[in-house]
Amino acid sequence: MGILVECPACKIRIGLKKKECKCGYNVQKAGYKNYWIEYYLDGKRTRERIGRSKLAAENRLREIQTATVEERNIKKNKNAVITIGALRDWYLDLPEIKQKRSFKAIANCIEIVSGHVGEKKYASQISPADIQSFQRKRLSENTLWGRPAKPATVNRNVANFKAMFNRALDYG
């Protein structure tokens, strides 16, 4: 268990005691570094990105250490209670998504997938089986033009949905 620092240049995580990264960047003097914590949960190593505050990383690590000593549940993901509908609204309100020329197409693709999966479902409950059932259903049912959607269209729907999840993970 410990605190790690992310190198701003190459994004490699190293220990707090190291002054320089493998790439040669002086991590200790960098003013905009991100902190991570690393701990073991059920025999698996887990890393959590905390942010730019070293104090917050130390507090979170201390909280996890006391929880493991007292054998309590560790609240791993505090954002696990977000629904697909709320995630979709957040994603479509991002300025970098709004400025795309394909914004309407992206919004339509995400709307189709989230309508099938369920907007009230939590984002942490989505499984590959849900996506596969969406693909099967979309390939078999007729669209507005009276024929099923092409596989490329279904793949584009899933790709935009996946991009939404990846952006949410990037933002923490």
C-alpha atoms as a PDB file:
ATOM      1  CA  MET A   1       0.000   0.000   0.000  1.00  0.00           C
ATOM      2  CA  GLY A   2       1.259   3.423  -0.828  1.00  0.00           C
ATOM      3  CA  ILE A   3       1.001   6.703  -2.636  1.00  0.00           C
ATOM      4  CA  LEU A   4       2.178   7.047  -6.223  1.00  0.00           C
ATOM      5  CA  VAL A   5       2.889  10.122  -8.343  1.00  0.00           C
ATOM      6  CA  GLU A   6       2.006  10.291 -12.034  1.00  0.00           C
ATOM      7  CA  CYS A   7       4.662  11.814 -14.272  1.00  0.00           C
ATOM      8  CA  PRO A   8       3.106  14.725 -16.229  1.00  0.00           C
ATOM      9  CA  ALA A   9       5.292  13.983 -19.248  1.00  0.00           C
ATOM     10  CA  CYS A  10       4.879  10.236 -19.790  1.00  0.00           C
ATOM     11  CA  LYS A  11       1.980   9.350 -17.410  1.00  0.00           C
ATOM     12  CA  ILE A  12       3.965   6.585 -15.664  1.00  0.00           C
ATOM     13  CA  ARG A  13       3.217   6.189 -11.954  1.00  0.00           C
ATOM     14  CA  ILE A  14       6.230   6.104  -9.630  1.00  0.00           C
ATOM     15  CA  GLY A  15       6.782   6.171  -5.871  1.00  0.00           C
ATOM     16  CA  LEU A  16       6.914   9.379  -3.859  1.00  0.00           C
ATOM     17  CA  LYS A  17      10.598   9.026  -2.961  1.00  0.00           C
ATOM     18  CA  LYS A  18      11.842   9.005  -6.552  1.00  0.00           C
ATOM     19  CA  LYS A  19      12.851  12.421  -7.836  1.00  0.00           C
ATOM     20  CA  GLU A  20      13.059  11.621 -11.537  1.00  0.00           C
ATOM     21  CA  CYS A  21      10.938   9.515 -13.827  1.00  0.00           C
ATOM     22  CA  LYS A  22      12.385   6.985 -16.273  1.00  0.00           C
ATOM     23  CA  CYS A  23      11.822   9.502 -19.054  1.00  0.00           C
ATOM     24  CA  GLY A  24      14.126  11.998 -17.311  1.00  0.00           C
ATOM     25  CA  TYR A  25      11.424  14.406 -16.134  1.00  0.00           C
ATOM     26  CA  ASN A  26      11.927  15.840 -12.632  1.00  0.00           C
ATOM     27  CA  VAL A  27       8.668  14.766 -11.013  1.00  0.00           C
ATOM     28  CA  GLN A  28       9.475  16.210  -7.610  1.00  0.00           C
ATOM     29  CA  LYS A  29       9.590  19.790  -8.938  1.00  0.00           C
ATOM     30  CA  ALA A  30       6.538  19.456 -11.196  1.00  0.00           C
ATOM     31  CA  GLY A  31       3.681  21.613 -10.005  1.00  0.00           C
ATOM     32  CA  TYR A  32       0.867  19.770 -11.759  1.00  0.00           C
ATOM     33  CA  LYS A  33       1.290  16.114 -10.862  1.00  0.00           C
ATOM     34  CA  ASN A  34      -1.521  13.690 -10.091  1.00  0.00           C
ATOM     35  CA  TYR A  35      -1.492  11.403  -7.067  1.00  0.00           C
ATOM     36  CA  TRP A  36      -2.638   7.787  -6.994  1.00  0.00           C
ATOM     37  CA  ILE A  37      -3.006   5.329  -4.144  1.00  0.00           C
ATOM     38  CA  GLU A  38      -2.317   1.629  -4.385  1.00  0.00           C
ATOM     39  CA  TYR A  39      -3.726  -1.048  -2.088  1.00  0.00           C
ATOM     40  CA  TYR A  40      -4.744  -4.694  -2.100  1.00  0.00           C
ATOM     41  CA  LEU A  41      -8.429  -5.605  -2.037  1.00  0.00           C
ATOM     42  CA  ASP A  42      -9.390  -9.302  -1.901  1.00  0.00           C
ATOM     43  CA  GLY A  43      -5.909 -10.317  -3.046  1.00  0.00           C
ATOM     44  CA  LYS A  44      -5.909  -8.005  -6.063  1.00  0.00           C
ATOM     45  CA  ARG A  45      -3.889  -4.837  -6.407  1.00  0.00           C
ATOM     46  CA  THR A  46      -6.128  -1.812  -6.819  1.00  0.00           C
ATOM     47  CA  ARG A  47      -5.129   1.689  -7.850  1.00  0.00           C
ATOM     48  CA  GLU A  48      -7.258   4.800  -7.423  1.00  0.00           C
ATOM     49  CA  ARG A  49      -6.583   8.173  -8.961  1.00  0.00           C
ATOM     50  CA  ILE A  50      -7.065  10.806  -6.299  1.00  0.00           C
ATOM     51  CA  GLY A  51      -6.140  14.049  -8.033  1.00  0.00           C
ATOM     52  CA  ARG A  52      -3.633  16.831  -7.521  1.00  0.00           C
ATOM     53  CA  SER A  53      -3.805  16.971  -3.736  1.00  0.00           C
ATOM     54  CA  LYS A  54      -1.206  14.993  -1.819  1.00  0.00           C
ATOM     55  CA  LEU A  55      -3.152  15.550   1.384  1.00  0.00           C
ATOM     56  CA  ALA A  56      -6.292  14.020  -0.135  1.00  0.00           C
ATOM     57  CA  ALA A  57      -4.271  10.985  -1.253  1.00  0.00           C
ATOM     58  CA  GLU A  58      -2.848  10.539   2.242  1.00  0.00           C
ATOM     59  CA  ASN A  59      -6.311  10.852   3.798  1.00  0.00           C
ATOM     60  CA  ARG A  60      -7.858   8.324   1.392  1.00  0.00           C
ATOM     61  CA  LEU A  61      -4.996   5.859   1.998  1.00  0.00           C
ATOM     62  CA  ARG A  62      -5.411   6.258   5.756  1.00  0.00           C
ATOM     63  CA  GLU A  63      -9.163   5.677   5.391  1.00  0.00           C
ATOM     64  CA  ILE A  64      -8.538   2.446   3.457  1.00  0.00           C
ATOM     65  CA  GLN A  65      -5.936   1.245   5.949  1.00  0.00           C
ATOM     66  CA  THR A  66      -8.302   1.738   8.888  1.00  0.00           C
ATOM     67  CA  ALA A  67     -11.096   0.007   6.978  1.00  0.00           C
ATOM     68  CA  THR A  68      -8.914  -3.042   6.307  1.00  0.00           C
ATOM     69  CA  VAL A  69      -7.758  -3.220   9.939  1.00  0.00           C
ATOM     70  CA  GLU A  70     -11.332  -2.974  11.201  1.00  0.00           C
ATOM     71  CA  GLU A  71     -12.448  -5.418   8.467  1.00  0.00           C
ATOM     72  CA  ARG A  72     -15.043  -3.002   7.114  1.00  0.00           C
ATOM     73  CA  ASN A  73     -16.191  -2.610   3.543  1.00  0.00           C
ATOM     74  CA  ILE A  74     -14.041  -0.324   1.439  1.00  0.00           C
ATOM     75  CA  LYS A  75     -16.096   2.076  -0.612  1.00  0.00           C
ATOM     76  CA  LYS A  76     -14.092   1.643  -3.759  1.00  0.00           C
ATOM     77  CA  ASN A  77     -16.006   3.709  -6.270  1.00  0.00           C
ATOM     78  CA  LYS A  78     -17.954   6.608  -4.867  1.00  0.00           C
ATOM     79  CA  ASN A  79     -19.436   7.384  -8.288  1.00  0.00           C
ATOM     80  CA  ALA A  80     -20.943   3.922  -8.758  1.00  0.00           C
ATOM     81  CA  VAL A  81     -24.416   5.306  -8.172  1.00  0.00           C
ATOM     82  CA  ILE A  82     -24.624   7.260 -11.441  1.00  0.00           C
ATOM     83  CA  THR A  83     -27.295   6.119 -13.867  1.00  0.00           C
ATOM     84  CA  ILE A  84     -26.956   5.705 -17.620  1.00  0.00           C
ATOM     85  CA  GLY A  85     -29.345   8.607 -18.201  1.00  0.00           C
ATOM     86  CA  ALA A  86     -27.332  10.965 -15.987  1.00  0.00           C
ATOM     87  CA  LEU A  87     -24.087   9.812 -17.595  1.00  0.00           C
ATOM     88  CA  ARG A  88     -25.559  10.411 -21.055  1.00  0.00           C
ATOM     89  CA  ASP A  89     -26.706  13.920 -20.118  1.00  0.00           C
ATOM     90  CA  TRP A  90     -23.281  14.733 -18.652  1.00  0.00           C
ATOM     91  CA  TYR A  91     -21.467  13.424 -21.725  1.00  0.00           C
ATOM     92  CA  LEU A  92     -23.648  15.298 -24.198  1.00  0.00           C
ATOM     93  CA  ASP A  93     -23.136  18.540 -22.230  1.00  0.00           C
ATOM     94  CA  LEU A  94     -19.347  18.392 -22.554  1.00  0.00           C
ATOM     95  CA  PRO A  95     -18.074  21.260 -24.720  1.00  0.00           C
ATOM     96  CA  GLU A  96     -15.712  19.043 -26.721  1.00  0.00           C
ATOM     97  CA  ILE A  97     -18.626  16.785 -27.672  1.00  0.00           C
ATOM     98  CA  LYS A  98     -21.021  19.647 -28.424  1.00  0.00           C
ATOM     99  CA  GLN A  99     -18.617  21.245 -30.886  1.00  0.00           C
ATOM    100  CA  LYS A 100     -18.312  18.123 -33.046  1.00  0.00           C
ATOM    101  CA  ARG A 101     -20.042  18.204 -36.404  1.00  0.00           C
ATOM    102  CA  SER A 102     -21.369  14.712 -35.704  1.00  0.00           C
ATOM    103  CA  PHE A 103     -22.977  15.747 -32.396  1.00  0.00           C
ATOM    104  CA  LYS A 104     -26.511  14.837 -33.505  1.00  0.00           C
ATOM    105  CA  ALA A 105     -25.391  11.421 -34.747  1.00  0.00           C
ATOM    106  CA  ILE A 106     -23.490  10.745 -31.511  1.00  0.00           C
ATOM    107  CA  ALA A 107     -26.497  11.783 -29.427  1.00  0.00           C
ATOM    108  CA  ASN A 108     -28.768   9.539 -31.496  1.00  0.00           C
ATOM    109  CA  CYS A 109     -26.437   6.529 -31.171  1.00  0.00           C
ATOM    110  CA  ILE A 110     -26.142   6.915 -27.408  1.00  0.00           C
ATOM    111  CA  GLU A 111     -29.907   7.426 -27.102  1.00  0.00           C
ATOM    112  CA  ILE A 112     -30.601   4.163 -28.959  1.00  0.00           C
ATOM    113  CA  VAL A 113     -28.231   2.093 -26.807  1.00  0.00           C
ATOM    114  CA  SER A 114     -29.253   3.691 -23.511  1.00  0.00           C
ATOM    115  CA  GLY A 115     -32.912   3.193 -24.407  1.00  0.00           C
ATOM    116  CA  HIS A 116     -32.317  -0.529 -24.826  1.00  0.00           C
ATOM    117  CA  VAL A 117     -30.069  -0.969 -21.785  1.00  0.00           C
ATOM    118  CA  GLY A 118     -32.236   1.195 -19.537  1.00  0.00           C
ATOM    119  CA  GLU A 119     -31.706   4.774 -18.435  1.00  0.00           C
ATOM    120  CA  LYS A 120     -32.401   4.024 -14.773  1.00  0.00           C
ATOM    121  CA  LYS A 121     -29.755   1.288 -14.649  1.00  0.00           C
ATOM    122  CA  TYR A 122     -26.541   2.110 -12.819  1.00  0.00           C
ATOM    123  CA  ALA A 123     -23.444   2.485 -14.968  1.00  0.00           C
ATOM    124  CA  SER A 124     -21.561  -0.046 -12.846  1.00  0.00           C
ATOM    125  CA  GLN A 125     -24.194  -2.707 -13.639  1.00  0.00           C
ATOM    126  CA  ILE A 126     -23.664  -2.699 -17.417  1.00  0.00           C
ATOM    127  CA  SER A 127     -22.238  -6.004 -18.593  1.00  0.00           C
ATOM    128  CA  PRO A 128     -21.026  -7.288 -21.959  1.00  0.00           C
ATOM    129  CA  ALA A 129     -24.151  -9.456 -22.068  1.00  0.00           C
ATOM    130  CA  ASP A 130     -26.290  -6.283 -22.119  1.00  0.00           C
ATOM    131  CA  ILE A 131     -24.368  -4.943 -25.105  1.00  0.00           C
ATOM    132  CA  GLN A 132     -24.542  -8.277 -26.933  1.00  0.00           C
ATOM    133  CA  SER A 133     -28.300  -8.489 -26.403  1.00  0.00           C
ATOM    134  CA  PHE A 134     -28.608  -4.940 -27.775  1.00  0.00           C
ATOM    135  CA  GLN A 135     -26.616  -5.948 -30.856  1.00  0.00           C
ATOM    136  CA  ARG A 136     -28.764  -9.033 -31.466  1.00  0.00           C
ATOM    137  CA  LYS A 137     -31.997  -7.095 -31.021  1.00  0.00           C
ATOM    138  CA  ARG A 138     -30.921  -4.198 -33.225  1.00  0.00           C
ATOM    139  CA  LEU A 139     -29.796  -6.542 -36.012  1.00  0.00           C
ATOM    140  CA  SER A 140     -33.131  -8.376 -35.975  1.00  0.00           C
ATOM    141  CA  GLU A 141     -35.776  -5.654 -35.536  1.00  0.00           C
ATOM    142  CA  ASN A 142     -36.830  -3.322 -38.321  1.00  0.00           C
ATOM    143  CA  THR A 143     -35.881   0.354 -38.377  1.00  0.00           C
ATOM    144  CA  LEU A 144     -37.921   3.259 -39.764  1.00  0.00           C
ATOM    145  CA  TRP A 145     -37.076   2.140 -43.309  1.00  0.00           C
ATOM    146  CA  GLY A 146     -38.571  -1.314 -42.833  1.00  0.00           C
ATOM    147  CA  ARG A 147     -35.342  -3.311 -42.706  1.00  0.00           C
ATOM    148  CA  PRO A 148     -32.942  -4.230 -39.884  1.00  0.00           C
ATOM    149  CA  ALA A 149     -29.952  -2.023 -39.134  1.00  0.00           C
ATOM    150  CA  LYS A 150     -26.669  -2.904 -40.812  1.00  0.00           C
ATOM    151  CA  PRO A 151     -23.857  -4.344 -38.663  1.00  0.00           C
ATOM    152  CA  ALA A 152     -21.732  -1.225 -39.227  1.00  0.00           C
ATOM    153  CA  THR A 153     -24.518   0.950 -37.817  1.00  0.00           C
ATOM    154  CA  VAL A 154     -24.846  -1.240 -34.742  1.00  0.00           C
ATOM    155  CA  ASN A 155     -21.074  -1.188 -34.246  1.00  0.00           C
ATOM    156  CA  ARG A 156     -21.104   2.628 -34.482  1.00  0.00           C
ATOM    157  CA  ASN A 157     -23.844   2.765 -31.832  1.00  0.00           C
ATOM    158  CA  VAL A 158     -21.795   0.580 -29.496  1.00  0.00           C
ATOM    159  CA  ALA A 159     -18.580   2.513 -30.237  1.00  0.00           C
ATOM    160  CA  ASN A 160     -20.185   5.841 -29.296  1.00  0.00           C
ATOM    161  CA  PHE A 161     -21.635   4.298 -26.133  1.00  0.00           C
ATOM    162  CA  LYS A 162     -18.199   2.923 -25.253  1.00  0.00           C
ATOM    163  CA  ALA A 163     -16.596   6.320 -25.921  1.00  0.00           C
ATOM    164  CA  MET A 164     -19.022   7.835 -23.410  1.00  0.00           C
ATOM    165  CA  PHE A 165     -17.897   5.347 -20.750  1.00  0.00           C
ATOM    166  CA  ASN A 166     -14.220   5.895 -21.531  1.00  0.00           C
ATOM    167  CA  ARG A 167     -14.622   9.673 -21.248  1.00  0.00           C
ATOM    168  CA  ALA A 168     -16.327   9.204 -17.880  1.00  0.00           C
ATOM    169  CA  LEU A 169     -13.398   7.085 -16.702  1.00  0.00           C
ATOM    170  CA  ASP A 170     -10.919   9.710 -17.903  1.00  0.00           C
ATOM    171  CA  TYR A 171     -12.709  12.402 -15.953  1.00  0.00           C
ATOM    172  CA  GLY A 172     -12.784  10.208 -12.860  1.00  0.00           C
END
